[in-house]
């Protein structure tokens, strides 16, 4: 089992920056894909970004490309989402994820409890 704990959510104004953190613990062997999702009020949960441990390769949603950056600190078992030039449409609950894949199929996936980010106009 893997436990994920997010932190860093809060209220910011349009154009400001915010960084979310996600601390992973438990049986992390092979659980090497880390990501972030967002659920805006009244909408589905959407993919934001993902990256893979020890690989310099990240994937981003078109809606945030160029403004958000995902990163990992392996020594701290923590991954981050750095958000800049934030917009009101970035408002939502942000969930971090960790998963293990095998040949393109998800074998196990874990979710954090979510952290609320509100961007005021």
N, C-alpha and C. Protein backbone atom coordinates (compact mmCIF):
# COMPACT_ATOMS: atom_id res chain seq x y z
N UNK A 1 0.83 -1.20 0.00
CA UNK A 1 0.00 0.00 0.00
C UNK A 1 0.87 1.25 0.00
N UNK A 2 0.34 2.27 -0.62
CA UNK A 2 1.02 3.56 -0.70
C UNK A 2 0.08 4.63 -0.16
N UNK A 3 0.62 5.50 0.63
CA UNK A 3 -0.15 6.63 1.15
C UNK A 3 0.41 7.93 0.54
N UNK A 4 -0.51 8.80 0.15
CA UNK A 4 -0.12 10.09 -0.43
C UNK A 4 -0.77 11.21 0.37
N UNK A 5 0.02 12.19 0.73
CA UNK A 5 -0.50 13.32 1.50
C UNK A 5 -0.11 14.60 0.78
N UNK A 6 -1.14 15.34 0.35
CA UNK A 6 -0.90 16.61 -0.34
C UNK A 6 -0.85 17.75 0.65
N UNK A 7 -0.18 18.81 0.23
CA UNK A 7 -0.19 20.04 1.00
C UNK A 7 0.09 21.20 0.04
N UNK A 8 -0.21 22.41 0.51
CA UNK A 8 0.12 23.60 -0.26
C UNK A 8 -1.04 24.31 -0.91
N UNK A 9 -2.24 23.76 -0.81
CA UNK A 9 -3.38 24.44 -1.40
C UNK A 9 -3.73 25.73 -0.67
N UNK A 10 -4.57 26.53 -1.29
CA UNK A 10 -4.97 27.78 -0.66
C UNK A 10 -5.58 28.74 -1.64
N UNK A 11 -5.68 29.97 -1.22
CA UNK A 11 -6.29 31.03 -2.03
C UNK A 11 -5.20 31.94 -2.60
N UNK A 12 -5.22 32.14 -3.91
CA UNK A 12 -4.29 33.05 -4.56
C UNK A 12 -5.08 33.95 -5.50
N UNK A 13 -4.43 35.01 -5.94
CA UNK A 13 -5.06 35.91 -6.89
C UNK A 13 -4.58 35.58 -8.31
N UNK A 14 -5.35 36.01 -9.27
CA UNK A 14 -4.98 35.81 -10.68
C UNK A 14 -3.57 36.33 -10.92
N UNK A 15 -2.77 35.51 -11.61
CA UNK A 15 -1.41 35.88 -11.93
C UNK A 15 -0.37 35.44 -10.92
N UNK A 16 -0.81 35.01 -9.75
CA UNK A 16 0.12 34.58 -8.72
C UNK A 16 0.53 33.13 -8.91
N UNK A 17 1.45 32.69 -8.05
CA UNK A 17 1.99 31.34 -8.13
C UNK A 17 1.71 30.57 -6.86
N UNK A 18 1.73 29.24 -6.99
CA UNK A 18 1.50 28.37 -5.84
C UNK A 18 2.17 27.03 -6.15
N UNK A 19 2.72 26.39 -5.13
CA UNK A 19 3.33 25.08 -5.31
C UNK A 19 2.65 24.07 -4.39
N UNK A 20 2.21 22.97 -4.98
CA UNK A 20 1.63 21.86 -4.23
C UNK A 20 2.68 20.78 -4.03
N UNK A 21 2.59 20.09 -2.89
CA UNK A 21 3.49 18.99 -2.59
C UNK A 21 2.70 17.73 -2.33
N UNK A 22 3.31 16.60 -2.63
CA UNK A 22 2.68 15.31 -2.37
C UNK A 22 3.73 14.36 -1.83
N UNK A 23 3.59 14.01 -0.56
CA UNK A 23 4.52 13.11 0.10
C UNK A 23 4.01 11.68 0.00
N UNK A 24 4.85 10.81 -0.55
CA UNK A 24 4.48 9.40 -0.69
C UNK A 24 5.18 8.57 0.38
N UNK A 25 4.47 7.57 0.89
CA UNK A 25 5.06 6.65 1.86
C UNK A 25 4.45 5.27 1.66
N UNK A 26 5.09 4.27 2.25
CA UNK A 26 4.62 2.91 2.13
C UNK A 26 5.46 2.10 1.17
N UNK A 27 4.82 1.14 0.52
CA UNK A 27 5.52 0.22 -0.39
C UNK A 27 5.65 0.87 -1.77
N UNK A 28 6.74 1.61 -1.96
CA UNK A 28 6.89 2.42 -3.16
C UNK A 28 7.65 1.73 -4.29
N UNK A 29 8.11 0.51 -4.07
CA UNK A 29 8.87 -0.18 -5.09
C UNK A 29 8.08 -0.34 -6.38
N UNK A 30 8.63 0.20 -7.47
CA UNK A 30 7.98 0.08 -8.77
C UNK A 30 6.86 1.07 -9.01
N UNK A 31 6.44 1.78 -7.97
CA UNK A 31 5.37 2.78 -8.13
C UNK A 31 6.04 4.07 -8.55
N UNK A 32 6.39 4.15 -9.82
CA UNK A 32 7.32 5.20 -10.24
C UNK A 32 6.71 6.27 -11.15
N UNK A 33 5.41 6.26 -11.32
CA UNK A 33 4.77 7.32 -12.10
C UNK A 33 3.98 8.18 -11.14
N UNK A 34 4.29 9.47 -11.14
CA UNK A 34 3.65 10.39 -10.21
C UNK A 34 2.93 11.45 -11.02
N UNK A 35 1.77 11.86 -10.51
CA UNK A 35 0.99 12.81 -11.29
C UNK A 35 0.10 13.69 -10.46
N UNK A 36 -0.60 14.55 -11.18
CA UNK A 36 -1.58 15.46 -10.58
C UNK A 36 -2.83 15.51 -11.46
N UNK A 37 -3.97 15.56 -10.78
CA UNK A 37 -5.25 15.74 -11.42
C UNK A 37 -5.96 16.91 -10.75
N UNK A 38 -6.94 17.45 -11.44
CA UNK A 38 -7.72 18.56 -10.89
C UNK A 38 -9.20 18.33 -11.15
N UNK A 39 -9.99 18.63 -10.15
CA UNK A 39 -11.45 18.58 -10.30
C UNK A 39 -12.02 19.95 -10.01
N UNK A 40 -12.45 20.61 -11.07
CA UNK A 40 -13.08 21.91 -10.93
C UNK A 40 -14.50 21.74 -10.40
N UNK A 41 -15.07 22.77 -9.79
CA UNK A 41 -16.42 22.67 -9.25
C UNK A 41 -17.42 22.23 -10.31
N UNK A 42 -18.16 21.17 -10.03
CA UNK A 42 -19.18 20.69 -10.94
C UNK A 42 -18.68 19.97 -12.17
N UNK A 43 -17.39 19.65 -12.22
CA UNK A 43 -16.82 19.02 -13.41
C UNK A 43 -16.13 17.70 -13.07
N UNK A 44 -15.76 17.00 -14.12
CA UNK A 44 -15.04 15.74 -13.96
C UNK A 44 -13.60 16.02 -13.49
N UNK A 45 -12.99 14.99 -12.95
CA UNK A 45 -11.58 15.08 -12.58
C UNK A 45 -10.73 14.94 -13.84
N UNK A 46 -9.85 15.90 -14.05
CA UNK A 46 -9.05 15.93 -15.28
C UNK A 46 -7.56 15.78 -15.00
N UNK A 47 -6.89 15.18 -15.94
CA UNK A 47 -5.44 15.03 -15.87
C UNK A 47 -4.76 16.39 -16.01
N UNK A 48 -3.73 16.60 -15.18
CA UNK A 48 -2.95 17.83 -15.26
C UNK A 48 -1.52 17.55 -15.73
N UNK A 49 -0.84 16.66 -15.04
CA UNK A 49 0.57 16.41 -15.37
C UNK A 49 1.00 15.07 -14.78
N UNK A 50 2.01 14.48 -15.39
CA UNK A 50 2.62 13.28 -14.83
C UNK A 50 4.09 13.23 -15.20
N UNK A 51 4.83 12.47 -14.42
CA UNK A 51 6.23 12.28 -14.70
C UNK A 51 6.66 10.94 -14.14
N UNK A 52 7.83 10.47 -14.56
CA UNK A 52 8.29 9.15 -14.14
C UNK A 52 9.62 9.29 -13.43
N UNK A 53 9.74 8.59 -12.31
CA UNK A 53 10.98 8.61 -11.54
C UNK A 53 12.15 8.22 -12.42
N UNK A 54 13.25 8.95 -12.27
CA UNK A 54 14.52 8.67 -12.94
C UNK A 54 14.48 8.90 -14.44
N UNK A 55 13.37 9.44 -14.96
CA UNK A 55 13.28 9.76 -16.38
C UNK A 55 13.06 11.26 -16.52
N UNK A 56 13.68 11.87 -17.45
CA UNK A 56 13.49 13.29 -17.72
C UNK A 56 12.39 13.45 -18.75
N UNK A 57 11.20 12.99 -18.39
CA UNK A 57 10.09 13.03 -19.34
C UNK A 57 8.81 13.28 -18.57
N UNK A 58 8.16 14.39 -18.88
CA UNK A 58 6.90 14.74 -18.23
C UNK A 58 5.84 15.00 -19.28
N UNK A 59 4.61 14.81 -18.87
CA UNK A 59 3.46 15.03 -19.77
C UNK A 59 2.52 16.02 -19.11
N UNK A 60 1.97 16.91 -19.92
CA UNK A 60 1.10 17.95 -19.39
C UNK A 60 -0.19 18.06 -20.19
N UNK A 61 -1.23 18.50 -19.50
CA UNK A 61 -2.47 18.85 -20.18
C UNK A 61 -2.26 20.13 -20.97
N UNK A 62 -2.92 20.25 -22.10
CA UNK A 62 -2.81 21.46 -22.92
C UNK A 62 -3.26 22.69 -22.15
N UNK A 63 -4.18 22.50 -21.21
CA UNK A 63 -4.76 23.65 -20.51
C UNK A 63 -3.77 24.36 -19.59
N UNK A 64 -2.69 23.70 -19.24
CA UNK A 64 -1.74 24.31 -18.30
C UNK A 64 -0.31 24.35 -18.83
N UNK A 65 -0.09 23.84 -20.03
CA UNK A 65 1.27 23.79 -20.57
C UNK A 65 1.90 25.18 -20.59
N UNK A 66 3.13 25.22 -20.08
CA UNK A 66 3.86 26.48 -20.02
C UNK A 66 3.67 27.22 -18.73
N UNK A 67 2.66 26.86 -17.95
CA UNK A 67 2.40 27.54 -16.68
C UNK A 67 2.68 26.66 -15.47
N UNK A 68 2.48 25.36 -15.61
CA UNK A 68 2.66 24.43 -14.51
C UNK A 68 3.87 23.53 -14.79
N UNK A 69 4.56 23.14 -13.73
CA UNK A 69 5.71 22.23 -13.85
C UNK A 69 5.62 21.16 -12.78
N UNK A 70 5.74 19.91 -13.19
CA UNK A 70 5.79 18.81 -12.24
C UNK A 70 7.24 18.43 -12.01
N UNK A 71 7.56 18.11 -10.77
CA UNK A 71 8.92 17.69 -10.45
C UNK A 71 8.89 16.70 -9.30
N UNK A 72 10.01 15.99 -9.14
CA UNK A 72 10.12 15.00 -8.08
C UNK A 72 11.42 15.20 -7.33
N UNK A 73 11.34 15.09 -6.00
CA UNK A 73 12.54 15.01 -5.17
C UNK A 73 12.59 13.58 -4.64
N UNK A 74 13.40 12.74 -5.29
CA UNK A 74 13.45 11.33 -4.92
C UNK A 74 13.87 11.13 -3.47
N UNK A 75 14.77 11.98 -3.00
CA UNK A 75 15.29 11.82 -1.64
C UNK A 75 14.22 12.05 -0.58
N UNK A 76 13.18 12.78 -0.96
CA UNK A 76 12.10 13.09 -0.02
C UNK A 76 10.82 12.34 -0.34
N UNK A 77 10.85 11.49 -1.38
CA UNK A 77 9.63 10.78 -1.82
C UNK A 77 8.47 11.76 -2.02
N UNK A 78 8.80 12.90 -2.57
CA UNK A 78 7.81 13.96 -2.72
C UNK A 78 7.79 14.45 -4.17
N UNK A 79 6.60 14.61 -4.71
CA UNK A 79 6.52 15.28 -6.00
C UNK A 79 5.71 16.57 -5.86
N UNK A 80 5.98 17.47 -6.77
CA UNK A 80 5.48 18.83 -6.66
C UNK A 80 4.75 19.26 -7.93
N UNK A 81 3.88 20.23 -7.77
CA UNK A 81 3.28 20.89 -8.91
C UNK A 81 3.46 22.39 -8.70
N UNK A 82 4.35 22.96 -9.49
CA UNK A 82 4.59 24.39 -9.42
C UNK A 82 3.66 25.07 -10.41
N UNK A 83 2.83 25.97 -9.90
CA UNK A 83 1.82 26.63 -10.73
C UNK A 83 2.12 28.12 -10.79
N UNK A 84 2.23 28.65 -11.98
CA UNK A 84 2.51 30.07 -12.16
C UNK A 84 1.44 30.71 -13.02
N UNK A 85 1.39 32.04 -12.99
CA UNK A 85 0.42 32.79 -13.80
C UNK A 85 -0.97 32.14 -13.69
N UNK A 86 -1.42 31.97 -12.49
CA UNK A 86 -2.64 31.23 -12.27
C UNK A 86 -3.87 32.02 -12.71
N UNK A 87 -4.89 31.26 -13.12
CA UNK A 87 -6.12 31.84 -13.64
C UNK A 87 -7.30 31.32 -12.84
N UNK A 88 -8.41 32.04 -12.85
CA UNK A 88 -9.59 31.57 -12.11
C UNK A 88 -10.03 30.16 -12.52
N UNK A 89 -9.82 29.81 -13.77
CA UNK A 89 -10.20 28.46 -14.22
C UNK A 89 -9.28 27.38 -13.67
N UNK A 90 -8.22 27.74 -12.98
CA UNK A 90 -7.37 26.77 -12.30
C UNK A 90 -7.95 26.36 -10.95
N UNK A 91 -9.02 27.00 -10.55
CA UNK A 91 -9.68 26.68 -9.27
C UNK A 91 -10.19 25.24 -9.28
N UNK A 92 -9.95 24.55 -8.17
CA UNK A 92 -10.44 23.18 -8.06
C UNK A 92 -9.72 22.44 -6.95
N UNK A 93 -10.10 21.19 -6.80
CA UNK A 93 -9.41 20.30 -5.86
C UNK A 93 -8.35 19.55 -6.65
N UNK A 94 -7.13 19.64 -6.17
CA UNK A 94 -6.00 19.00 -6.83
C UNK A 94 -5.65 17.70 -6.10
N UNK A 95 -5.55 16.64 -6.88
CA UNK A 95 -5.23 15.32 -6.34
C UNK A 95 -3.88 14.86 -6.88
N UNK A 96 -3.05 14.35 -6.00
CA UNK A 96 -1.83 13.74 -6.51
C UNK A 96 -2.03 12.24 -6.64
N UNK A 97 -1.28 11.64 -7.53
CA UNK A 97 -1.39 10.22 -7.78
C UNK A 97 -0.01 9.57 -7.85
N UNK A 98 -0.02 8.25 -7.64
CA UNK A 98 1.18 7.45 -7.83
C UNK A 98 0.72 6.11 -8.39
N UNK A 99 1.39 5.64 -9.41
CA UNK A 99 0.96 4.37 -9.97
C UNK A 99 2.12 3.56 -10.51
N UNK A 100 1.87 2.27 -10.62
CA UNK A 100 2.83 1.35 -11.20
C UNK A 100 2.23 0.79 -12.48
N UNK A 101 2.98 0.84 -13.53
CA UNK A 101 2.54 0.30 -14.81
C UNK A 101 3.40 -0.88 -15.22
N UNK A 102 2.81 -1.72 -16.04
CA UNK A 102 3.56 -2.82 -16.63
C UNK A 102 3.09 -2.96 -18.07
N UNK A 103 3.99 -2.74 -18.97
CA UNK A 103 3.69 -2.82 -20.40
C UNK A 103 2.49 -1.96 -20.77
N UNK A 104 2.44 -0.76 -20.23
CA UNK A 104 1.41 0.20 -20.58
C UNK A 104 0.12 0.08 -19.81
N UNK A 105 -0.01 -0.94 -18.97
CA UNK A 105 -1.23 -1.13 -18.18
C UNK A 105 -0.98 -0.75 -16.73
N UNK A 106 -1.96 -0.08 -16.14
CA UNK A 106 -1.84 0.30 -14.74
C UNK A 106 -2.07 -0.91 -13.86
N UNK A 107 -1.07 -1.22 -13.03
CA UNK A 107 -1.17 -2.37 -12.15
C UNK A 107 -1.67 -1.99 -10.76
N UNK A 108 -1.27 -0.80 -10.32
CA UNK A 108 -1.79 -0.29 -9.05
C UNK A 108 -1.73 1.24 -9.10
N UNK A 109 -2.69 1.87 -8.45
CA UNK A 109 -2.79 3.33 -8.49
C UNK A 109 -3.29 3.83 -7.16
N UNK A 110 -2.71 4.93 -6.73
CA UNK A 110 -3.06 5.50 -5.44
C UNK A 110 -3.35 6.99 -5.60
N UNK A 111 -4.23 7.48 -4.72
CA UNK A 111 -4.65 8.88 -4.80
C UNK A 111 -4.50 9.54 -3.43
N UNK A 112 -4.15 10.81 -3.46
CA UNK A 112 -4.17 11.61 -2.25
C UNK A 112 -5.59 12.05 -1.93
N UNK A 113 -5.72 12.75 -0.83
CA UNK A 113 -7.05 13.14 -0.36
C UNK A 113 -7.56 14.40 -1.04
N UNK A 114 -6.67 15.09 -1.73
CA UNK A 114 -7.05 16.32 -2.42
C UNK A 114 -6.76 17.56 -1.61
N UNK A 115 -6.39 18.61 -2.31
CA UNK A 115 -6.17 19.90 -1.67
C UNK A 115 -6.81 20.98 -2.52
N UNK A 116 -7.52 21.90 -1.89
CA UNK A 116 -8.30 22.91 -2.60
C UNK A 116 -7.43 24.10 -2.97
N UNK A 117 -7.53 24.47 -4.22
CA UNK A 117 -6.88 25.68 -4.72
C UNK A 117 -7.95 26.61 -5.27
N UNK A 118 -7.94 27.83 -4.81
CA UNK A 118 -8.90 28.82 -5.29
C UNK A 118 -8.15 30.01 -5.84
N UNK A 119 -8.50 30.38 -7.07
CA UNK A 119 -7.86 31.53 -7.71
C UNK A 119 -8.92 32.61 -7.87
N UNK A 120 -8.71 33.73 -7.20
CA UNK A 120 -9.68 34.82 -7.26
C UNK A 120 -9.34 35.76 -8.42
N UNK A 121 -10.37 36.45 -8.88
CA UNK A 121 -10.17 37.38 -10.01
C UNK A 121 -9.53 38.68 -9.55
